[in-house]
Amino acid sequence: MFDSPIEWLIVVAVILLLFGSTKKIPEFARNLGKATGEFKRGQMELENEIKKAMNPQQTSQAAEKPLDYAEVARGLGIDPANKSQEQLTKEIAEKLKINNQ
């Protein structure tokens, strides 16, 4: 479309006439760059959302990691040493009942 330098000069001259002076061209270019950046960010966010929607297994697998009862017990101030998972579950439940009352 704009193969020759003369066509580019005509385009620049038209832009100068439209905007009134050379002082407004940098402002126009800056605003155009910001708009382009926002468009690209929006496009990337949309692509990520589509990818997440197409692969729901990956996000659900990360959320479904097994519960570490010993870590939960330590967080509640219970010593998990030499206790089975059932004992820890009971103690955690009791501790939570006491805290909720």
N, C-alpha and C. Protein backbone atom coordinates (compact mmCIF):
# COMPACT_ATOMS: atom_id res chain seq x y z
N MET A 1 0.82 -1.18 0.00
CA MET A 1 0.00 0.00 0.00
C MET A 1 0.87 1.25 0.00
N PHE A 2 1.78 1.37 0.97
CA PHE A 2 2.69 2.52 1.02
C PHE A 2 4.08 2.03 0.69
N ASP A 3 4.34 1.87 -0.58
CA ASP A 3 5.63 1.31 -1.01
C ASP A 3 6.69 2.37 -1.24
N SER A 4 6.29 3.52 -1.68
CA SER A 4 7.30 4.53 -2.00
C SER A 4 7.39 5.58 -0.90
N PRO A 5 8.54 6.23 -0.79
CA PRO A 5 8.71 7.27 0.23
C PRO A 5 7.78 8.47 0.01
N ILE A 6 7.40 8.72 -1.22
CA ILE A 6 6.51 9.85 -1.50
C ILE A 6 5.13 9.62 -0.86
N GLU A 7 4.66 8.39 -0.92
CA GLU A 7 3.37 8.07 -0.29
C GLU A 7 3.45 8.27 1.23
N TRP A 8 4.59 7.92 1.82
CA TRP A 8 4.76 8.11 3.26
C TRP A 8 4.78 9.60 3.61
N LEU A 9 5.43 10.41 2.76
CA LEU A 9 5.44 11.86 3.01
C LEU A 9 4.04 12.45 2.94
N ILE A 10 3.24 11.95 2.00
CA ILE A 10 1.86 12.43 1.89
C ILE A 10 1.08 12.07 3.16
N VAL A 11 1.27 10.86 3.65
CA VAL A 11 0.58 10.42 4.87
C VAL A 11 1.00 11.29 6.05
N VAL A 12 2.28 11.56 6.20
CA VAL A 12 2.77 12.40 7.29
C VAL A 12 2.21 13.81 7.16
N ALA A 13 2.16 14.34 5.96
CA ALA A 13 1.62 15.69 5.75
C ALA A 13 0.14 15.74 6.14
N VAL A 14 -0.62 14.71 5.78
CA VAL A 14 -2.04 14.67 6.13
C VAL A 14 -2.20 14.60 7.65
N ILE A 15 -1.37 13.81 8.30
CA ILE A 15 -1.43 13.71 9.76
C ILE A 15 -1.12 15.05 10.40
N LEU A 16 -0.10 15.74 9.89
CA LEU A 16 0.24 17.06 10.43
C LEU A 16 -0.91 18.04 10.25
N LEU A 17 -1.58 17.98 9.12
CA LEU A 17 -2.71 18.88 8.90
C LEU A 17 -3.87 18.55 9.83
N LEU A 18 -4.09 17.26 10.07
CA LEU A 18 -5.20 16.85 10.93
C LEU A 18 -4.98 17.25 12.38
N PHE A 19 -3.79 17.10 12.85
CA PHE A 19 -3.51 17.35 14.26
C PHE A 19 -3.04 18.78 14.54
N GLY A 20 -2.78 19.56 13.52
CA GLY A 20 -2.49 20.97 13.73
C GLY A 20 -1.03 21.31 13.90
N SER A 21 -0.25 20.47 14.55
CA SER A 21 1.16 20.80 14.73
C SER A 21 1.95 19.54 15.04
N THR A 22 3.25 19.70 15.06
CA THR A 22 4.13 18.57 15.35
C THR A 22 4.17 18.27 16.84
N LYS A 23 3.67 19.17 17.66
CA LYS A 23 3.68 18.95 19.11
C LYS A 23 2.68 17.87 19.53
N LYS A 24 1.63 17.71 18.78
CA LYS A 24 0.61 16.73 19.15
C LYS A 24 0.92 15.32 18.65
N ILE A 25 1.83 15.18 17.73
CA ILE A 25 2.14 13.85 17.19
C ILE A 25 2.74 12.93 18.25
N PRO A 26 3.71 13.37 19.08
CA PRO A 26 4.21 12.47 20.13
C PRO A 26 3.12 12.05 21.11
N GLU A 27 2.22 12.96 21.44
CA GLU A 27 1.12 12.63 22.35
C GLU A 27 0.20 11.59 21.70
N PHE A 28 -0.07 11.77 20.43
CA PHE A 28 -0.89 10.80 19.71
C PHE A 28 -0.21 9.44 19.67
N ALA A 29 1.08 9.42 19.39
CA ALA A 29 1.83 8.15 19.33
C ALA A 29 1.85 7.47 20.70
N ARG A 30 2.01 8.24 21.76
CA ARG A 30 2.01 7.70 23.12
C ARG A 30 0.66 7.06 23.45
N ASN A 31 -0.41 7.77 23.14
CA ASN A 31 -1.75 7.24 23.40
C ASN A 31 -2.02 5.99 22.56
N LEU A 32 -1.55 5.99 21.33
CA LEU A 32 -1.71 4.82 20.47
C LEU A 32 -0.94 3.63 21.04
N GLY A 33 0.25 3.86 21.57
CA GLY A 33 1.03 2.79 22.19
C GLY A 33 0.36 2.24 23.44
N LYS A 34 -0.21 3.12 24.25
CA LYS A 34 -0.92 2.66 25.46
C LYS A 34 -2.13 1.82 25.08
N ALA A 35 -2.87 2.27 24.07
CA ALA A 35 -4.05 1.53 23.64
C ALA A 35 -3.66 0.17 23.09
N THR A 36 -2.58 0.12 22.34
CA THR A 36 -2.11 -1.16 21.80
C THR A 36 -1.70 -2.10 22.93
N GLY A 37 -1.02 -1.59 23.93
CA GLY A 37 -0.61 -2.40 25.08
C GLY A 37 -1.81 -2.96 25.84
N GLU A 38 -2.82 -2.11 26.06
CA GLU A 38 -4.03 -2.56 26.74
C GLU A 38 -4.74 -3.64 25.93
N PHE A 39 -4.77 -3.46 24.63
CA PHE A 39 -5.41 -4.46 23.77
C PHE A 39 -4.69 -5.80 23.86
N LYS A 40 -3.36 -5.76 23.82
CA LYS A 40 -2.59 -7.01 23.90
C LYS A 40 -2.76 -7.69 25.26
N ARG A 41 -2.80 -6.91 26.35
CA ARG A 41 -3.02 -7.49 27.68
C ARG A 41 -4.39 -8.15 27.76
N GLY A 42 -5.39 -7.47 27.23
CA GLY A 42 -6.73 -8.04 27.22
C GLY A 42 -6.79 -9.31 26.39
N GLN A 43 -6.10 -9.31 25.27
CA GLN A 43 -6.06 -10.49 24.42
C GLN A 43 -5.38 -11.66 25.14
N MET A 44 -4.29 -11.40 25.85
CA MET A 44 -3.59 -12.46 26.58
C MET A 44 -4.46 -13.00 27.71
N GLU A 45 -5.17 -12.12 28.42
CA GLU A 45 -6.06 -12.57 29.50
C GLU A 45 -7.18 -13.46 28.94
N LEU A 46 -7.72 -13.07 27.81
CA LEU A 46 -8.78 -13.86 27.18
C LEU A 46 -8.25 -15.23 26.76
N GLU A 47 -7.05 -15.27 26.18
CA GLU A 47 -6.45 -16.54 25.78
C GLU A 47 -6.21 -17.43 27.00
N ASN A 48 -5.76 -16.86 28.11
CA ASN A 48 -5.54 -17.64 29.33
C ASN A 48 -6.85 -18.20 29.87
N GLU A 49 -7.91 -17.40 29.85
CA GLU A 49 -9.21 -17.87 30.32
C GLU A 49 -9.72 -19.00 29.44
N ILE A 50 -9.51 -18.90 28.14
CA ILE A 50 -9.93 -19.97 27.23
C ILE A 50 -9.15 -21.24 27.50
N LYS A 51 -7.85 -21.10 27.72
CA LYS A 51 -7.02 -22.28 28.02
C LYS A 51 -7.47 -22.94 29.32
N LYS A 52 -7.79 -22.14 30.34
CA LYS A 52 -8.26 -22.70 31.61
C LYS A 52 -9.58 -23.42 31.42
N ALA A 53 -10.45 -22.85 30.60
CA ALA A 53 -11.76 -23.47 30.36
C ALA A 53 -11.61 -24.77 29.57
N MET A 54 -10.63 -24.84 28.71
CA MET A 54 -10.42 -26.04 27.90
C MET A 54 -9.75 -27.15 28.70
N ASN A 55 -9.00 -26.82 29.74
CA ASN A 55 -8.29 -27.80 30.56
C ASN A 55 -8.68 -27.67 32.03
N PRO A 56 -9.90 -27.99 32.40
CA PRO A 56 -10.29 -27.83 33.80
C PRO A 56 -9.62 -28.84 34.72
N GLN A 57 -9.11 -29.94 34.17
CA GLN A 57 -8.47 -30.97 34.97
C GLN A 57 -7.21 -30.45 35.64
N GLN A 58 -6.45 -29.63 34.94
CA GLN A 58 -5.19 -29.13 35.50
C GLN A 58 -5.44 -28.24 36.71
N THR A 59 -6.44 -27.37 36.65
CA THR A 59 -6.68 -26.48 37.78
C THR A 59 -7.31 -27.24 38.94
N SER A 60 -8.17 -28.22 38.67
CA SER A 60 -8.80 -28.96 39.77
C SER A 60 -7.81 -29.91 40.43
N GLN A 61 -6.85 -30.45 39.68
CA GLN A 61 -5.85 -31.33 40.28
C GLN A 61 -4.97 -30.56 41.25
N ALA A 62 -4.65 -29.34 40.94
CA ALA A 62 -3.80 -28.54 41.84
C ALA A 62 -4.56 -28.20 43.12
N ALA A 63 -5.87 -28.02 43.02
CA ALA A 63 -6.65 -27.65 44.19
C ALA A 63 -6.96 -28.85 45.08
N GLU A 64 -6.86 -30.08 44.55
CA GLU A 64 -7.24 -31.27 45.30
C GLU A 64 -6.03 -32.02 45.86
N LYS A 65 -5.07 -31.32 46.40
CA LYS A 65 -3.94 -32.04 47.00
C LYS A 65 -4.36 -32.55 48.37
N PRO A 66 -3.82 -33.67 48.79
CA PRO A 66 -4.27 -34.29 50.04
C PRO A 66 -3.96 -33.39 51.26
N LEU A 67 -4.84 -33.52 52.24
CA LEU A 67 -4.73 -32.73 53.46
C LEU A 67 -3.68 -33.34 54.38
N ASP A 68 -2.76 -32.53 54.86
CA ASP A 68 -1.72 -32.99 55.77
C ASP A 68 -2.21 -32.73 57.21
N TYR A 69 -2.71 -33.80 57.83
CA TYR A 69 -3.29 -33.67 59.17
C TYR A 69 -2.26 -33.23 60.21
N ALA A 70 -1.02 -33.67 60.05
CA ALA A 70 0.02 -33.28 61.01
C ALA A 70 0.26 -31.78 60.95
N GLU A 71 0.24 -31.22 59.76
CA GLU A 71 0.46 -29.78 59.60
C GLU A 71 -0.71 -28.99 60.19
N VAL A 72 -1.93 -29.48 59.95
CA VAL A 72 -3.11 -28.82 60.52
C VAL A 72 -3.07 -28.88 62.04
N ALA A 73 -2.69 -30.05 62.57
CA ALA A 73 -2.61 -30.21 64.02
C ALA A 73 -1.58 -29.25 64.62
N ARG A 74 -0.43 -29.14 63.99
CA ARG A 74 0.61 -28.20 64.49
C ARG A 74 0.08 -26.77 64.49
N GLY A 75 -0.68 -26.44 63.43
CA GLY A 75 -1.25 -25.09 63.34
C GLY A 75 -2.23 -24.80 64.45
N LEU A 76 -2.87 -25.84 64.96
CA LEU A 76 -3.83 -25.67 66.06
C LEU A 76 -3.19 -25.85 67.44
N GLY A 77 -1.90 -26.11 67.46
CA GLY A 77 -1.20 -26.29 68.73
C GLY A 77 -1.28 -27.70 69.27
N ILE A 78 -1.53 -28.68 68.43
CA ILE A 78 -1.59 -30.09 68.84
C ILE A 78 -0.29 -30.76 68.42
N ASP A 79 0.29 -31.56 69.31
CA ASP A 79 1.51 -32.28 68.99
C ASP A 79 1.15 -33.56 68.21
N PRO A 80 1.56 -33.68 66.93
CA PRO A 80 1.17 -34.83 66.12
C PRO A 80 2.09 -36.05 66.27
N ALA A 81 3.08 -35.98 67.16
CA ALA A 81 4.05 -37.07 67.29
C ALA A 81 3.37 -38.35 67.77
N ASN A 82 3.68 -39.45 67.11
CA ASN A 82 3.21 -40.79 67.47
C ASN A 82 1.69 -40.91 67.52
N LYS A 83 0.98 -40.22 66.64
CA LYS A 83 -0.48 -40.30 66.59
C LYS A 83 -0.91 -40.72 65.20
N SER A 84 -1.94 -41.53 65.15
CA SER A 84 -2.46 -41.96 63.85
C SER A 84 -3.31 -40.83 63.26
N GLN A 85 -3.68 -41.01 62.01
CA GLN A 85 -4.50 -40.00 61.33
C GLN A 85 -5.87 -39.89 62.00
N GLU A 86 -6.42 -41.02 62.47
CA GLU A 86 -7.71 -41.00 63.16
C GLU A 86 -7.63 -40.20 64.47
N GLN A 87 -6.52 -40.42 65.22
CA GLN A 87 -6.36 -39.69 66.47
C GLN A 87 -6.22 -38.19 66.21
N LEU A 88 -5.44 -37.87 65.18
CA LEU A 88 -5.27 -36.45 64.84
C LEU A 88 -6.60 -35.83 64.42
N THR A 89 -7.39 -36.59 63.63
CA THR A 89 -8.68 -36.08 63.18
C THR A 89 -9.59 -35.78 64.36
N LYS A 90 -9.62 -36.70 65.34
CA LYS A 90 -10.46 -36.51 66.52
C LYS A 90 -10.01 -35.30 67.32
N GLU A 91 -8.69 -35.18 67.53
CA GLU A 91 -8.18 -34.06 68.32
C GLU A 91 -8.42 -32.72 67.61
N ILE A 92 -8.27 -32.74 66.28
CA ILE A 92 -8.52 -31.50 65.52
C ILE A 92 -9.99 -31.12 65.64
N ALA A 93 -10.89 -32.12 65.51
CA ALA A 93 -12.32 -31.84 65.63
C ALA A 93 -12.66 -31.29 67.01
N GLU A 94 -12.08 -31.88 68.06
CA GLU A 94 -12.33 -31.41 69.42
C GLU A 94 -11.83 -29.98 69.60
N LYS A 95 -10.64 -29.72 69.08
CA LYS A 95 -10.05 -28.39 69.21
C LYS A 95 -10.91 -27.34 68.49
N LEU A 96 -11.43 -27.73 67.32
CA LEU A 96 -12.27 -26.80 66.57
C LEU A 96 -13.61 -26.57 67.27
N LYS A 97 -14.14 -27.63 67.91
CA LYS A 97 -15.40 -27.46 68.66
C LYS A 97 -15.20 -26.49 69.82
N ILE A 98 -14.07 -26.64 70.52
CA ILE A 98 -13.79 -25.77 71.65
C ILE A 98 -13.63 -24.33 71.19
N ASN A 99 -12.95 -24.12 70.05
CA ASN A 99 -12.72 -22.77 69.54
C ASN A 99 -14.01 -22.13 69.02
N ASN A 100 -14.95 -22.95 68.54
CA ASN A 100 -16.21 -22.41 67.99
C ASN A 100 -17.22 -22.06 69.09
N GLN A 101 -17.05 -22.59 70.29
CA GLN A 101 -18.02 -22.32 71.35
C GLN A 101 -17.77 -21.03 72.04
